[in-house]
């Protein structure tokens, strides 16, 4: 793996963890999300896992649509996330 690829990978990991934390902070309540069952979102670990799952599925552009933001605040955060994840990918291409 060359140096440019390593830097890209590290950047992408940092971005996904950072946005997982933001999605957890700003979307802590289960009803902030569509598709997350309350009984599967009780503990902090469950909340982190659900937000990390959402972050990774969105990042990879798979986008199952099983979990979606339910508030304007989270939708705005998702728009910002979408733009930010494009920056390292653009740098890899060019």
Protein backbone atom coordinates (compact mmCIF):
# COMPACT_ATOMS: atom_id res chain seq x y z
CA UNK A 1 0.00 0.00 0.00
CA UNK A 2 1.51 3.31 -1.02
CA UNK A 3 1.70 6.40 1.16
CA UNK A 4 -1.16 8.19 -0.60
CA UNK A 5 -3.49 5.23 -0.08
CA UNK A 6 -2.52 4.94 3.59
CA UNK A 7 -3.24 8.62 4.17
CA UNK A 8 -6.60 8.28 2.42
CA UNK A 9 -7.53 5.25 4.51
CA UNK A 10 -6.59 7.00 7.76
CA UNK A 11 -8.58 10.08 6.73
CA UNK A 12 -11.64 8.01 5.93
CA UNK A 13 -11.45 6.14 9.24
CA UNK A 14 -11.18 9.42 11.14
CA UNK A 15 -14.12 10.91 9.24
CA UNK A 16 -16.38 7.91 9.89
CA UNK A 17 -15.58 7.81 13.61
CA UNK A 18 -16.00 11.58 13.94
CA UNK A 19 -19.41 11.51 12.27
CA UNK A 20 -20.46 8.48 14.29
CA UNK A 21 -19.86 10.60 17.38
CA UNK A 22 -21.73 13.55 15.89
CA UNK A 23 -24.68 11.35 14.91
CA UNK A 24 -24.69 9.94 18.44
CA UNK A 25 -24.59 13.39 20.05
CA UNK A 26 -27.16 15.07 17.82
CA UNK A 27 -29.29 11.97 17.27
CA UNK A 28 -29.08 10.35 20.70
CA UNK A 29 -32.79 9.70 21.04
CA UNK A 30 -34.19 6.70 19.23
CA UNK A 31 -37.08 8.74 17.83
CA UNK A 32 -34.53 10.98 16.04
CA UNK A 33 -34.18 8.11 13.58
CA UNK A 34 -36.49 6.11 11.34
CA UNK A 35 -35.81 2.39 11.41
CA UNK A 36 -34.15 2.02 14.82
CA UNK A 37 -36.18 -0.06 17.24
CA UNK A 38 -36.30 1.28 20.78
CA UNK A 39 -35.46 -2.09 22.30
CA UNK A 40 -32.29 -2.24 20.14
CA UNK A 41 -31.15 1.26 21.10
CA UNK A 42 -31.16 1.34 24.91
CA UNK A 43 -27.49 1.31 25.90
CA UNK A 44 -24.72 3.66 24.81
CA UNK A 45 -22.98 0.77 23.07
CA UNK A 46 -26.14 -0.04 21.10
CA UNK A 47 -26.55 3.62 20.18
CA UNK A 48 -22.93 3.88 19.01
CA UNK A 49 -23.29 0.69 16.99
CA UNK A 50 -26.51 1.87 15.29
CA UNK A 51 -24.99 5.27 14.43
CA UNK A 52 -21.75 3.64 13.22
CA UNK A 53 -23.76 1.24 11.06
CA UNK A 54 -25.65 4.20 9.56
CA UNK A 55 -22.39 6.10 8.98
CA UNK A 56 -20.67 3.18 7.25
CA UNK A 57 -23.63 2.18 5.08
CA UNK A 58 -23.98 5.81 3.99
CA UNK A 59 -20.24 6.19 3.43
CA UNK A 60 -20.01 3.15 1.19
CA UNK A 61 -23.02 4.42 -0.79
CA UNK A 62 -24.82 1.13 -0.23
CA UNK A 63 -27.57 3.08 1.49
CA UNK A 64 -30.00 0.32 2.41
CA UNK A 65 -32.47 2.93 3.67
CA UNK A 66 -33.30 0.86 6.75
CA UNK A 67 -32.13 3.70 9.02
CA UNK A 68 -32.72 7.32 8.08
CA UNK A 69 -32.54 10.64 9.92
CA UNK A 70 -35.87 11.88 11.24
CA UNK A 71 -34.96 15.45 12.23
CA UNK A 72 -33.86 18.50 10.26
CA UNK A 73 -30.71 18.72 12.41
CA UNK A 74 -29.66 15.18 11.46
CA UNK A 75 -30.58 15.68 7.81
CA UNK A 76 -28.37 18.79 7.70
CA UNK A 77 -25.54 16.86 9.37
CA UNK A 78 -25.98 14.11 6.77
CA UNK A 79 -25.66 16.65 3.95
CA UNK A 80 -22.41 17.93 5.46
CA UNK A 81 -21.17 14.35 5.90
CA UNK A 82 -21.96 13.57 2.26
CA UNK A 83 -19.79 16.45 1.06
CA UNK A 84 -16.94 15.73 3.46
CA UNK A 85 -16.58 12.08 2.47
CA UNK A 86 -16.16 13.14 -1.14
CA UNK A 87 -13.01 15.20 -0.43
CA UNK A 88 -10.60 12.28 0.27
CA UNK A 89 -12.06 10.30 -2.63
CA UNK A 90 -11.57 13.27 -4.96
CA UNK A 91 -7.97 13.60 -3.78
CA UNK A 92 -7.34 9.93 -4.56
CA UNK A 93 -8.62 10.31 -8.09
CA UNK A 94 -6.57 13.41 -8.86
